[in-house]
mmCIF file of all heavy atoms, coordinates in Angstrom:
data_MODEL
# 
_entry.id   MODEL 
# 
loop_
_atom_site.group_PDB 
_atom_site.id 
_atom_site.type_symbol 
_atom_site.label_atom_id 
_atom_site.label_alt_id 
_atom_site.label_comp_id 
_atom_site.label_asym_id 
_atom_site.label_entity_id 
_atom_site.label_seq_id 
_atom_site.pdbx_PDB_ins_code 
_atom_site.Cartn_x 
_atom_site.Cartn_y 
_atom_site.Cartn_z 
_atom_site.occupancy 
_atom_site.B_iso_or_equiv 
_atom_site.pdbx_formal_charge 
_atom_site.auth_seq_id 
_atom_site.auth_comp_id 
_atom_site.auth_asym_id 
_atom_site.auth_atom_id 
_atom_site.pdbx_PDB_model_num 
ATOM 1   N N   . LEU A 1 1  ? 0.825   -1.210 0.000   1.00 0.00 ? 1  LEU A N   1 
ATOM 2   C CA  . LEU A 1 1  ? 0.000   0.000  0.000   1.00 0.00 ? 1  LEU A CA  1 
ATOM 3   C C   . LEU A 1 1  ? 0.860   1.261  0.000   1.00 0.00 ? 1  LEU A C   1 
ATOM 4   O O   . LEU A 1 1  ? 0.506   2.258  -0.623  1.00 0.00 ? 1  LEU A O   1 
ATOM 5   C CB  . LEU A 1 1  ? -0.945  0.004  1.201   1.00 0.00 ? 1  LEU A CB  1 
ATOM 6   C CG  . LEU A 1 1  ? -2.129  -0.950 1.107   1.00 0.00 ? 1  LEU A CG  1 
ATOM 7   C CD1 . LEU A 1 1  ? -2.926  -0.928 2.404   1.00 0.00 ? 1  LEU A CD1 1 
ATOM 8   C CD2 . LEU A 1 1  ? -3.018  -0.604 -0.066  1.00 0.00 ? 1  LEU A CD2 1 
ATOM 9   N N   . VAL A 1 2  ? 1.980   1.210  0.681   1.00 0.00 ? 2  VAL A N   1 
ATOM 10  C CA  . VAL A 1 2  ? 2.898   2.349  0.670   1.00 0.00 ? 2  VAL A CA  1 
ATOM 11  C C   . VAL A 1 2  ? 3.439   2.544  -0.746  1.00 0.00 ? 2  VAL A C   1 
ATOM 12  O O   . VAL A 1 2  ? 3.535   3.671  -1.238  1.00 0.00 ? 2  VAL A O   1 
ATOM 13  C CB  . VAL A 1 2  ? 4.047   2.140  1.684   1.00 0.00 ? 2  VAL A CB  1 
ATOM 14  C CG1 . VAL A 1 2  ? 5.082   3.237  1.559   1.00 0.00 ? 2  VAL A CG1 1 
ATOM 15  C CG2 . VAL A 1 2  ? 3.492   2.087  3.099   1.00 0.00 ? 2  VAL A CG2 1 
ATOM 16  N N   . LYS A 1 3  ? 3.762   1.460  -1.441  1.00 0.00 ? 3  LYS A N   1 
ATOM 17  C CA  . LYS A 1 3  ? 4.267   1.536  -2.821  1.00 0.00 ? 3  LYS A CA  1 
ATOM 18  C C   . LYS A 1 3  ? 3.186   2.097  -3.751  1.00 0.00 ? 3  LYS A C   1 
ATOM 19  O O   . LYS A 1 3  ? 3.484   2.914  -4.627  1.00 0.00 ? 3  LYS A O   1 
ATOM 20  C CB  . LYS A 1 3  ? 4.724   0.148  -3.286  1.00 0.00 ? 3  LYS A CB  1 
ATOM 21  C CG  . LYS A 1 3  ? 5.371   0.156  -4.630  1.00 0.00 ? 3  LYS A CG  1 
ATOM 22  C CD  . LYS A 1 3  ? 6.667   0.945  -4.605  1.00 0.00 ? 3  LYS A CD  1 
ATOM 23  C CE  . LYS A 1 3  ? 7.341   0.858  -5.951  1.00 0.00 ? 3  LYS A CE  1 
ATOM 24  N NZ  . LYS A 1 3  ? 8.472   1.753  -6.058  1.00 0.00 ? 3  LYS A NZ  1 
ATOM 25  N N   . VAL A 1 4  ? 1.919   1.653  -3.564  1.00 0.00 ? 4  VAL A N   1 
ATOM 26  C CA  . VAL A 1 4  ? 0.815   2.183  -4.374  1.00 0.00 ? 4  VAL A CA  1 
ATOM 27  C C   . VAL A 1 4  ? 0.701   3.692  -4.174  1.00 0.00 ? 4  VAL A C   1 
ATOM 28  O O   . VAL A 1 4  ? 0.514   4.440  -5.132  1.00 0.00 ? 4  VAL A O   1 
ATOM 29  C CB  . VAL A 1 4  ? -0.522  1.478  -4.019  1.00 0.00 ? 4  VAL A CB  1 
ATOM 30  C CG1 . VAL A 1 4  ? -1.712  2.215  -4.589  1.00 0.00 ? 4  VAL A CG1 1 
ATOM 31  C CG2 . VAL A 1 4  ? -0.507  0.039  -4.505  1.00 0.00 ? 4  VAL A CG2 1 
ATOM 32  N N   . ALA A 1 5  ? 0.834   4.149  -2.939  1.00 0.00 ? 5  ALA A N   1 
ATOM 33  C CA  . ALA A 1 5  ? 0.765   5.582  -2.650  1.00 0.00 ? 5  ALA A CA  1 
ATOM 34  C C   . ALA A 1 5  ? 1.883   6.330  -3.362  1.00 0.00 ? 5  ALA A C   1 
ATOM 35  O O   . ALA A 1 5  ? 1.664   7.405  -3.927  1.00 0.00 ? 5  ALA A O   1 
ATOM 36  C CB  . ALA A 1 5  ? 0.841   5.811  -1.146  1.00 0.00 ? 5  ALA A CB  1 
ATOM 37  N N   . GLU A 1 6  ? 3.077   5.769  -3.365  1.00 0.00 ? 6  GLU A N   1 
ATOM 38  C CA  . GLU A 1 6  ? 4.201   6.416  -4.034  1.00 0.00 ? 6  GLU A CA  1 
ATOM 39  C C   . GLU A 1 6  ? 3.984   6.492  -5.541  1.00 0.00 ? 6  GLU A C   1 
ATOM 40  O O   . GLU A 1 6  ? 4.243   7.522  -6.164  1.00 0.00 ? 6  GLU A O   1 
ATOM 41  C CB  . GLU A 1 6  ? 5.493   5.659  -3.740  1.00 0.00 ? 6  GLU A CB  1 
ATOM 42  C CG  . GLU A 1 6  ? 5.965   5.777  -2.310  1.00 0.00 ? 6  GLU A CG  1 
ATOM 43  C CD  . GLU A 1 6  ? 7.134   4.857  -1.996  1.00 0.00 ? 6  GLU A CD  1 
ATOM 44  O OE1 . GLU A 1 6  ? 7.637   4.183  -2.916  1.00 0.00 ? 6  GLU A OE1 1 
ATOM 45  O OE2 . GLU A 1 6  ? 7.529   4.818  -0.824  1.00 0.00 ? 6  GLU A OE2 1 
ATOM 46  N N   . VAL A 1 7  ? 3.497   5.401  -6.127  1.00 0.00 ? 7  VAL A N   1 
ATOM 47  C CA  . VAL A 1 7  ? 3.252   5.375  -7.577  1.00 0.00 ? 7  VAL A CA  1 
ATOM 48  C C   . VAL A 1 7  ? 2.168   6.365  -7.955  1.00 0.00 ? 7  VAL A C   1 
ATOM 49  O O   . VAL A 1 7  ? 2.295   7.112  -8.926  1.00 0.00 ? 7  VAL A O   1 
ATOM 50  C CB  . VAL A 1 7  ? 2.908   3.946  -8.048  1.00 0.00 ? 7  VAL A CB  1 
ATOM 51  C CG1 . VAL A 1 7  ? 2.407   3.946  -9.479  1.00 0.00 ? 7  VAL A CG1 1 
ATOM 52  C CG2 . VAL A 1 7  ? 4.107   3.029  -7.893  1.00 0.00 ? 7  VAL A CG2 1 
ATOM 53  N N   . LEU A 1 8  ? 1.068   6.403  -7.203  1.00 0.00 ? 8  LEU A N   1 
ATOM 54  C CA  . LEU A 1 8  ? -0.014  7.350  -7.489  1.00 0.00 ? 8  LEU A CA  1 
ATOM 55  C C   . LEU A 1 8  ? 0.473   8.785  -7.385  1.00 0.00 ? 8  LEU A C   1 
ATOM 56  O O   . LEU A 1 8  ? 0.112   9.633  -8.198  1.00 0.00 ? 8  LEU A O   1 
ATOM 57  C CB  . LEU A 1 8  ? -1.185  7.137  -6.526  1.00 0.00 ? 8  LEU A CB  1 
ATOM 58  C CG  . LEU A 1 8  ? -2.120  5.989  -6.831  1.00 0.00 ? 8  LEU A CG  1 
ATOM 59  C CD1 . LEU A 1 8  ? -3.140  5.846  -5.720  1.00 0.00 ? 8  LEU A CD1 1 
ATOM 60  C CD2 . LEU A 1 8  ? -2.812  6.185  -8.159  1.00 0.00 ? 8  LEU A CD2 1 
ATOM 61  N N   . THR A 1 9  ? 1.279   9.053  -6.385  1.00 0.00 ? 9  THR A N   1 
ATOM 62  C CA  . THR A 1 9  ? 1.793   10.406 -6.202  1.00 0.00 ? 9  THR A CA  1 
ATOM 63  C C   . THR A 1 9  ? 2.699   10.816 -7.361  1.00 0.00 ? 9  THR A C   1 
ATOM 64  O O   . THR A 1 9  ? 2.638   11.941 -7.837  1.00 0.00 ? 9  THR A O   1 
ATOM 65  C CB  . THR A 1 9  ? 2.549   10.501 -4.864  1.00 0.00 ? 9  THR A CB  1 
ATOM 66  O OG1 . THR A 1 9  ? 1.653   10.138 -3.820  1.00 0.00 ? 9  THR A OG1 1 
ATOM 67  C CG2 . THR A 1 9  ? 3.048   11.903 -4.617  1.00 0.00 ? 9  THR A CG2 1 
ATOM 68  N N   . GLN A 1 10 ? 3.511   9.892  -7.844  1.00 0.00 ? 10 GLN A N   1 
ATOM 69  C CA  . GLN A 1 10 ? 4.425   10.196 -8.941  1.00 0.00 ? 10 GLN A CA  1 
ATOM 70  C C   . GLN A 1 10 ? 3.712   10.262 -10.287 1.00 0.00 ? 10 GLN A C   1 
ATOM 71  O O   . GLN A 1 10 ? 4.169   10.959 -11.194 1.00 0.00 ? 10 GLN A O   1 
ATOM 72  C CB  . GLN A 1 10 ? 5.537   9.160  -8.994  1.00 0.00 ? 10 GLN A CB  1 
ATOM 73  C CG  . GLN A 1 10 ? 6.447   9.213  -7.796  1.00 0.00 ? 10 GLN A CG  1 
ATOM 74  C CD  . GLN A 1 10 ? 7.412   8.048  -7.744  1.00 0.00 ? 10 GLN A CD  1 
ATOM 75  O OE1 . GLN A 1 10 ? 7.396   7.176  -8.603  1.00 0.00 ? 10 GLN A OE1 1 
ATOM 76  N NE2 . GLN A 1 10 ? 8.249   8.022  -6.722  1.00 0.00 ? 10 GLN A NE2 1 
ATOM 77  N N   . ALA A 1 11 ? 2.602   9.547  -10.441 1.00 0.00 ? 11 ALA A N   1 
ATOM 78  C CA  . ALA A 1 11 ? 1.923   9.472  -11.729 1.00 0.00 ? 11 ALA A CA  1 
ATOM 79  C C   . ALA A 1 11 ? 0.684   10.370 -11.790 1.00 0.00 ? 11 ALA A C   1 
ATOM 80  O O   . ALA A 1 11 ? -0.184  10.165 -12.625 1.00 0.00 ? 11 ALA A O   1 
ATOM 81  C CB  . ALA A 1 11 ? 1.526   8.024  -12.019 1.00 0.00 ? 11 ALA A CB  1 
ATOM 82  N N   . HIS A 1 12 ? 0.620   11.385 -10.930 1.00 0.00 ? 12 HIS A N   1 
ATOM 83  C CA  . HIS A 1 12 ? -0.589  12.206 -10.897 1.00 0.00 ? 12 HIS A CA  1 
ATOM 84  C C   . HIS A 1 12 ? -0.814  12.974 -12.197 1.00 0.00 ? 12 HIS A C   1 
ATOM 85  O O   . HIS A 1 12 ? -1.954  13.167 -12.614 1.00 0.00 ? 12 HIS A O   1 
ATOM 86  C CB  . HIS A 1 12 ? -0.578  13.156 -9.696  1.00 0.00 ? 12 HIS A CB  1 
ATOM 87  C CG  . HIS A 1 12 ? 0.307   14.347 -9.850  1.00 0.00 ? 12 HIS A CG  1 
ATOM 88  N ND1 . HIS A 1 12 ? 1.659   14.291 -9.605  1.00 0.00 ? 12 HIS A ND1 1 
ATOM 89  C CD2 . HIS A 1 12 ? 0.046   15.611 -10.224 1.00 0.00 ? 12 HIS A CD2 1 
ATOM 90  C CE1 . HIS A 1 12 ? 2.187   15.473 -9.816  1.00 0.00 ? 12 HIS A CE1 1 
ATOM 91  N NE2 . HIS A 1 12 ? 1.231   16.302 -10.196 1.00 0.00 ? 12 HIS A NE2 1 
ATOM 92  N N   . VAL A 1 13 ? 0.230   13.373 -12.860 1.00 0.00 ? 13 VAL A N   1 
ATOM 93  C CA  . VAL A 1 13 ? 0.077   14.108 -14.118 1.00 0.00 ? 13 VAL A CA  1 
ATOM 94  C C   . VAL A 1 13 ? -0.511  13.194 -15.191 1.00 0.00 ? 13 VAL A C   1 
ATOM 95  O O   . VAL A 1 13 ? -1.396  13.595 -15.948 1.00 0.00 ? 13 VAL A O   1 
ATOM 96  C CB  . VAL A 1 13 ? 1.434   14.703 -14.572 1.00 0.00 ? 13 VAL A CB  1 
ATOM 97  C CG1 . VAL A 1 13 ? 1.316   15.345 -15.935 1.00 0.00 ? 13 VAL A CG1 1 
ATOM 98  C CG2 . VAL A 1 13 ? 1.941   15.693 -13.546 1.00 0.00 ? 13 VAL A CG2 1 
ATOM 99  N N   . LEU A 1 14 ? -0.061  11.962 -15.235 1.00 0.00 ? 14 LEU A N   1 
ATOM 100 C CA  . LEU A 1 14 ? -0.589  10.991 -16.193 1.00 0.00 ? 14 LEU A CA  1 
ATOM 101 C C   . LEU A 1 14 ? -2.068  10.730 -15.930 1.00 0.00 ? 14 LEU A C   1 
ATOM 102 O O   . LEU A 1 14 ? -2.884  10.738 -16.857 1.00 0.00 ? 14 LEU A O   1 
ATOM 103 C CB  . LEU A 1 14 ? 0.203   9.685  -16.122 1.00 0.00 ? 14 LEU A CB  1 
ATOM 104 C CG  . LEU A 1 14 ? -0.308  8.555  -17.009 1.00 0.00 ? 14 LEU A CG  1 
ATOM 105 C CD1 . LEU A 1 14 ? -0.173  8.931  -18.478 1.00 0.00 ? 14 LEU A CD1 1 
ATOM 106 C CD2 . LEU A 1 14 ? 0.444   7.283  -16.706 1.00 0.00 ? 14 LEU A CD2 1 
ATOM 107 N N   . GLY A 1 15 ? -2.422  10.511 -14.677 1.00 0.00 ? 15 GLY A N   1 
ATOM 108 C CA  . GLY A 1 15 ? -3.827  10.256 -14.335 1.00 0.00 ? 15 GLY A CA  1 
ATOM 109 C C   . GLY A 1 15 ? -4.716  11.428 -14.688 1.00 0.00 ? 15 GLY A C   1 
ATOM 110 O O   . GLY A 1 15 ? -5.811  11.255 -15.234 1.00 0.00 ? 15 GLY A O   1 
ATOM 111 N N   . PHE A 1 16 ? -4.266  12.631 -14.398 1.00 0.00 ? 16 PHE A N   1 
ATOM 112 C CA  . PHE A 1 16 ? -5.052  13.818 -14.718 1.00 0.00 ? 16 PHE A CA  1 
ATOM 113 C C   . PHE A 1 16 ? -5.152  14.004 -16.223 1.00 0.00 ? 16 PHE A C   1 
ATOM 114 O O   . PHE A 1 16 ? -6.210  14.374 -16.738 1.00 0.00 ? 16 PHE A O   1 
ATOM 115 C CB  . PHE A 1 16 ? -4.433  15.056 -14.065 1.00 0.00 ? 16 PHE A CB  1 
ATOM 116 C CG  . PHE A 1 16 ? -5.273  16.279 -14.228 1.00 0.00 ? 16 PHE A CG  1 
ATOM 117 C CD1 . PHE A 1 16 ? -6.491  16.392 -13.583 1.00 0.00 ? 16 PHE A CD1 1 
ATOM 118 C CD2 . PHE A 1 16 ? -4.854  17.319 -15.022 1.00 0.00 ? 16 PHE A CD2 1 
ATOM 119 C CE1 . PHE A 1 16 ? -7.276  17.513 -13.730 1.00 0.00 ? 16 PHE A CE1 1 
ATOM 120 C CE2 . PHE A 1 16 ? -5.626  18.458 -15.177 1.00 0.00 ? 16 PHE A CE2 1 
ATOM 121 C CZ  . PHE A 1 16 ? -6.831  18.549 -14.526 1.00 0.00 ? 16 PHE A CZ  1 
ATOM 122 N N   . GLY A 1 17 ? -4.078  13.727 -16.951 1.00 0.00 ? 17 GLY A N   1 
ATOM 123 C CA  . GLY A 1 17 ? -4.110  13.830 -18.416 1.00 0.00 ? 17 GLY A CA  1 
ATOM 124 C C   . GLY A 1 17 ? -5.102  12.871 -19.032 1.00 0.00 ? 17 GLY A C   1 
ATOM 125 O O   . GLY A 1 17 ? -5.846  13.224 -19.951 1.00 0.00 ? 17 GLY A O   1 
ATOM 126 N N   . ILE A 1 18 ? -5.138  11.650 -18.521 1.00 0.00 ? 18 ILE A N   1 
ATOM 127 C CA  . ILE A 1 18 ? -6.108  10.662 -19.009 1.00 0.00 ? 18 ILE A CA  1 
ATOM 128 C C   . ILE A 1 18 ? -7.529  11.138 -18.722 1.00 0.00 ? 18 ILE A C   1 
ATOM 129 O O   . ILE A 1 18 ? -8.416  11.022 -19.566 1.00 0.00 ? 18 ILE A O   1 
ATOM 130 C CB  . ILE A 1 18 ? -5.831  9.286  -18.383 1.00 0.00 ? 18 ILE A CB  1 
ATOM 131 C CG1 . ILE A 1 18 ? -4.536  8.715  -18.941 1.00 0.00 ? 18 ILE A CG1 1 
ATOM 132 C CG2 . ILE A 1 18 ? -6.996  8.323  -18.632 1.00 0.00 ? 18 ILE A CG2 1 
ATOM 133 C CD1 . ILE A 1 18 ? -4.044  7.477  -18.237 1.00 0.00 ? 18 ILE A CD1 1 
ATOM 134 N N   . LEU A 1 19 ? -7.754  11.702 -17.547 1.00 0.00 ? 19 LEU A N   1 
ATOM 135 C CA  . LEU A 1 19 ? -9.069  12.231 -17.196 1.00 0.00 ? 19 LEU A CA  1 
ATOM 136 C C   . LEU A 1 19 ? -9.489  13.347 -18.154 1.00 0.00 ? 19 LEU A C   1 
ATOM 137 O O   . LEU A 1 19 ? -10.628 13.377 -18.630 1.00 0.00 ? 19 LEU A O   1 
ATOM 138 C CB  . LEU A 1 19 ? -9.073  12.738 -15.758 1.00 0.00 ? 19 LEU A CB  1 
ATOM 139 C CG  . LEU A 1 19 ? -10.365 13.377 -15.277 1.00 0.00 ? 19 LEU A CG  1 
ATOM 140 C CD1 . LEU A 1 19 ? -11.485 12.346 -15.236 1.00 0.00 ? 19 LEU A CD1 1 
ATOM 141 C CD2 . LEU A 1 19 ? -10.167 13.994 -13.918 1.00 0.00 ? 19 LEU A CD2 1 
ATOM 142 N N   . VAL A 1 20 ? -8.570  14.249 -18.468 1.00 0.00 ? 20 VAL A N   1 
ATOM 143 C CA  . VAL A 1 20 ? -8.879  15.357 -19.387 1.00 0.00 ? 20 VAL A CA  1 
ATOM 144 C C   . VAL A 1 20 ? -9.235  14.815 -20.771 1.00 0.00 ? 20 VAL A C   1 
ATOM 145 O O   . VAL A 1 20 ? -10.214 15.246 -21.386 1.00 0.00 ? 20 VAL A O   1 
ATOM 146 C CB  . VAL A 1 20 ? -7.702  16.349 -19.473 1.00 0.00 ? 20 VAL A CB  1 
ATOM 147 C CG1 . VAL A 1 20 ? -7.877  17.330 -20.614 1.00 0.00 ? 20 VAL A CG1 1 
ATOM 148 C CG2 . VAL A 1 20 ? -7.543  17.086 -18.161 1.00 0.00 ? 20 VAL A CG2 1 
ATOM 149 N N   . VAL A 1 21 ? -8.471  13.860 -21.266 1.00 0.00 ? 21 VAL A N   1 
ATOM 150 C CA  . VAL A 1 21 ? -8.758  13.271 -22.583 1.00 0.00 ? 21 VAL A CA  1 
ATOM 151 C C   . VAL A 1 21 ? -10.120 12.597 -22.584 1.00 0.00 ? 21 VAL A C   1 
ATOM 152 O O   . VAL A 1 21 ? -10.901 12.755 -23.539 1.00 0.00 ? 21 VAL A O   1 
ATOM 153 C CB  . VAL A 1 21 ? -7.643  12.279 -22.990 1.00 0.00 ? 21 VAL A CB  1 
ATOM 154 C CG1 . VAL A 1 21 ? -8.035  11.480 -24.221 1.00 0.00 ? 21 VAL A CG1 1 
ATOM 155 C CG2 . VAL A 1 21 ? -6.345  13.027 -23.247 1.00 0.00 ? 21 VAL A CG2 1 
ATOM 156 N N   . LEU A 1 22 ? -10.461 11.870 -21.529 1.00 0.00 ? 22 LEU A N   1 
ATOM 157 C CA  . LEU A 1 22 ? -11.770 11.209 -21.456 1.00 0.00 ? 22 LEU A CA  1 
ATOM 158 C C   . LEU A 1 22 ? -12.909 12.226 -21.442 1.00 0.00 ? 22 LEU A C   1 
ATOM 159 O O   . LEU A 1 22 ? -13.923 12.030 -22.114 1.00 0.00 ? 22 LEU A O   1 
ATOM 160 C CB  . LEU A 1 22 ? -11.841 10.313 -20.220 1.00 0.00 ? 22 LEU A CB  1 
ATOM 161 C CG  . LEU A 1 22 ? -11.025 9.039  -20.289 1.00 0.00 ? 22 LEU A CG  1 
ATOM 162 C CD1 . LEU A 1 22 ? -11.065 8.299  -18.956 1.00 0.00 ? 22 LEU A CD1 1 
ATOM 163 C CD2 . LEU A 1 22 ? -11.521 8.144  -21.410 1.00 0.00 ? 22 LEU A CD2 1 
ATOM 164 N N   . VAL A 1 23 ? -12.729 13.307 -20.697 1.00 0.00 ? 23 VAL A N   1 
ATOM 165 C CA  . VAL A 1 23 ? -13.777 14.340 -20.665 1.00 0.00 ? 23 VAL A CA  1 
ATOM 166 C C   . VAL A 1 23 ? -13.932 14.969 -22.042 1.00 0.00 ? 23 VAL A C   1 
ATOM 167 O O   . VAL A 1 23 ? -15.053 15.202 -22.505 1.00 0.00 ? 23 VAL A O   1 
ATOM 168 C CB  . VAL A 1 23 ? -13.469 15.404 -19.584 1.00 0.00 ? 23 VAL A CB  1 
ATOM 169 C CG1 . VAL A 1 23 ? -14.374 16.617 -19.748 1.00 0.00 ? 23 VAL A CG1 1 
ATOM 170 C CG2 . VAL A 1 23 ? -13.627 14.810 -18.202 1.00 0.00 ? 23 VAL A CG2 1 
ATOM 171 N N   . ILE A 1 24 ? -12.834 15.215 -22.730 1.00 0.00 ? 24 ILE A N   1 
ATOM 172 C CA  . ILE A 1 24 ? -12.912 15.807 -24.070 1.00 0.00 ? 24 ILE A CA  1 
ATOM 173 C C   . ILE A 1 24 ? -13.609 14.862 -25.039 1.00 0.00 ? 24 ILE A C   1 
ATOM 174 O O   . ILE A 1 24 ? -14.424 15.288 -25.862 1.00 0.00 ? 24 ILE A O   1 
ATOM 175 C CB  . ILE A 1 24 ? -11.504 16.186 -24.576 1.00 0.00 ? 24 ILE A CB  1 
ATOM 176 C CG1 . ILE A 1 24 ? -10.970 17.373 -23.784 1.00 0.00 ? 24 ILE A CG1 1 
ATOM 177 C CG2 . ILE A 1 24 ? -11.512 16.488 -26.068 1.00 0.00 ? 24 ILE A CG2 1 
ATOM 178 C CD1 . ILE A 1 24 ? -9.514  17.686 -24.024 1.00 0.00 ? 24 ILE A CD1 1 
ATOM 179 N N   . LEU A 1 25 ? -13.326 13.576 -24.939 1.00 0.00 ? 25 LEU A N   1 
ATOM 180 C CA  . LEU A 1 25 ? -13.958 12.606 -25.843 1.00 0.00 ? 25 LEU A CA  1 
ATOM 181 C C   . LEU A 1 25 ? -15.434 12.408 -25.535 1.00 0.00 ? 25 LEU A C   1 
ATOM 182 O O   . LEU A 1 25 ? -16.261 12.324 -26.439 1.00 0.00 ? 25 LEU A O   1 
ATOM 183 C CB  . LEU A 1 25 ? -13.226 11.262 -25.764 1.00 0.00 ? 25 LEU A CB  1 
ATOM 184 C CG  . LEU A 1 25 ? -11.823 11.228 -26.356 1.00 0.00 ? 25 LEU A CG  1 
ATOM 185 C CD1 . LEU A 1 25 ? -11.175 9.887  -26.075 1.00 0.00 ? 25 LEU A CD1 1 
ATOM 186 C CD2 . LEU A 1 25 ? -11.862 11.511 -27.847 1.00 0.00 ? 25 LEU A CD2 1 
ATOM 187 N N   . VAL A 1 26 ? -15.774 12.324 -24.264 1.00 0.00 ? 26 VAL A N   1 
ATOM 188 C CA  . VAL A 1 26 ? -17.149 12.033 -23.873 1.00 0.00 ? 26 VAL A CA  1 
ATOM 189 C C   . VAL A 1 26 ? -18.013 13.291 -23.869 1.00 0.00 ? 26 VAL A C   1 
ATOM 190 O O   . VAL A 1 26 ? -19.189 13.248 -24.235 1.00 0.00 ? 26 VAL A O   1 
ATOM 191 C CB  . VAL A 1 26 ? -17.175 11.348 -22.488 1.00 0.00 ? 26 VAL A CB  1 
ATOM 192 C CG1 . VAL A 1 26 ? -18.590 11.141 -21.999 1.00 0.00 ? 26 VAL A CG1 1 
ATOM 193 C CG2 . VAL A 1 26 ? -16.440 10.016 -22.544 1.00 0.00 ? 26 VAL A CG2 1 
ATOM 194 N N   . LEU A 1 27 ? -17.448 14.410 -23.470 1.00 0.00 ? 27 LEU A N   1 
ATOM 195 C CA  . LEU A 1 27 ? -18.196 15.666 -23.370 1.00 0.00 ? 27 LEU A CA  1 
ATOM 196 C C   . LEU A 1 27 ? -17.508 16.760 -24.183 1.00 0.00 ? 27 LEU A C   1 
ATOM 197 O O   . LEU A 1 27 ? -16.889 17.669 -23.635 1.00 0.00 ? 27 LEU A O   1 
ATOM 198 C CB  . LEU A 1 27 ? -18.294 16.102 -21.895 1.00 0.00 ? 27 LEU A CB  1 
ATOM 199 C CG  . LEU A 1 27 ? -18.922 15.108 -20.937 1.00 0.00 ? 27 LEU A CG  1 
ATOM 200 C CD1 . LEU A 1 27 ? -18.717 15.553 -19.511 1.00 0.00 ? 27 LEU A CD1 1 
ATOM 201 C CD2 . LEU A 1 27 ? -20.384 14.924 -21.240 1.00 0.00 ? 27 LEU A CD2 1 
ATOM 202 N N   . PRO A 1 28 ? -17.609 16.708 -25.517 1.00 0.00 ? 28 PRO A N   1 
ATOM 203 C CA  . PRO A 1 28 ? -16.888 17.674 -26.346 1.00 0.00 ? 28 PRO A CA  1 
ATOM 204 C C   . PRO A 1 28 ? -17.327 19.125 -26.140 1.00 0.00 ? 28 PRO A C   1 
ATOM 205 O O   . PRO A 1 28 ? -16.561 20.041 -26.421 1.00 0.00 ? 28 PRO A O   1 
ATOM 206 C CB  . PRO A 1 28 ? -17.169 17.208 -27.771 1.00 0.00 ? 28 PRO A CB  1 
ATOM 207 C CG  . PRO A 1 28 ? -18.394 16.375 -27.685 1.00 0.00 ? 28 PRO A CG  1 
ATOM 208 C CD  . PRO A 1 28 ? -18.388 15.776 -26.310 1.00 0.00 ? 28 PRO A CD  1 
ATOM 209 N N   . ASN A 1 29 ? -18.530 19.351 -25.623 1.00 0.00 ? 29 ASN A N   1 
ATOM 210 C CA  . ASN A 1 29 ? -18.997 20.719 -25.369 1.00 0.00 ? 29 ASN A CA  1 
ATOM 211 C C   . ASN A 1 29 ? -18.684 21.173 -23.953 1.00 0.00 ? 29 ASN A C   1 
ATOM 212 O O   . ASN A 1 29 ? -19.105 22.240 -23.537 1.00 0.00 ? 29 ASN A O   1 
ATOM 213 C CB  . ASN A 1 29 ? -20.501 20.819 -25.605 1.00 0.00 ? 29 ASN A CB  1 
ATOM 214 C CG  . ASN A 1 29 ? -20.855 20.563 -27.045 1.00 0.00 ? 29 ASN A CG  1 
ATOM 215 O OD1 . ASN A 1 29 ? -20.118 20.948 -27.939 1.00 0.00 ? 29 ASN A OD1 1 
ATOM 216 N ND2 . ASN A 1 29 ? -21.962 19.885 -27.282 1.00 0.00 ? 29 ASN A ND2 1 
ATOM 217 N N   . GLY A 1 30 ? -17.968 20.348 -23.196 1.00 0.00 ? 30 GLY A N   1 
ATOM 218 C CA  . GLY A 1 30 ? -17.642 20.680 -21.815 1.00 0.00 ? 30 GLY A CA  1 
ATOM 219 C C   . GLY A 1 30 ? -18.732 20.239 -20.872 1.00 0.00 ? 30 GLY A C   1 
ATOM 220 O O   . GLY A 1 30 ? -19.808 19.776 -21.284 1.00 0.00 ? 30 GLY A O   1 
ATOM 221 N N   . ILE A 1 31 ? -18.473 20.369 -19.596 1.00 0.00 ? 31 ILE A N   1 
ATOM 222 C CA  . ILE A 1 31 ? -19.442 19.936 -18.589 1.00 0.00 ? 31 ILE A CA  1 
ATOM 223 C C   . ILE A 1 31 ? -20.684 20.810 -18.624 1.00 0.00 ? 31 ILE A C   1 
ATOM 224 O O   . ILE A 1 31 ? -21.808 20.326 -18.567 1.00 0.00 ? 31 ILE A O   1 
ATOM 225 C CB  . ILE A 1 31 ? -18.783 19.934 -17.188 1.00 0.00 ? 31 ILE A CB  1 
ATOM 226 C CG1 . ILE A 1 31 ? -17.697 18.858 -17.155 1.00 0.00 ? 31 ILE A CG1 1 
ATOM 227 C CG2 . ILE A 1 31 ? -19.817 19.695 -16.097 1.00 0.00 ? 31 ILE A CG2 1 
ATOM 228 C CD1 . ILE A 1 31 ? -16.854 18.862 -15.909 1.00 0.00 ? 31 ILE A CD1 1 
# 
């Protein structure tokens, strides 16, 4: 669990980028 926390903390930009791409694909007019 400590390792998972470290990986999530280091990969936050990747996770947020994936979220932005999904929102753009699913909601092209924005929220």
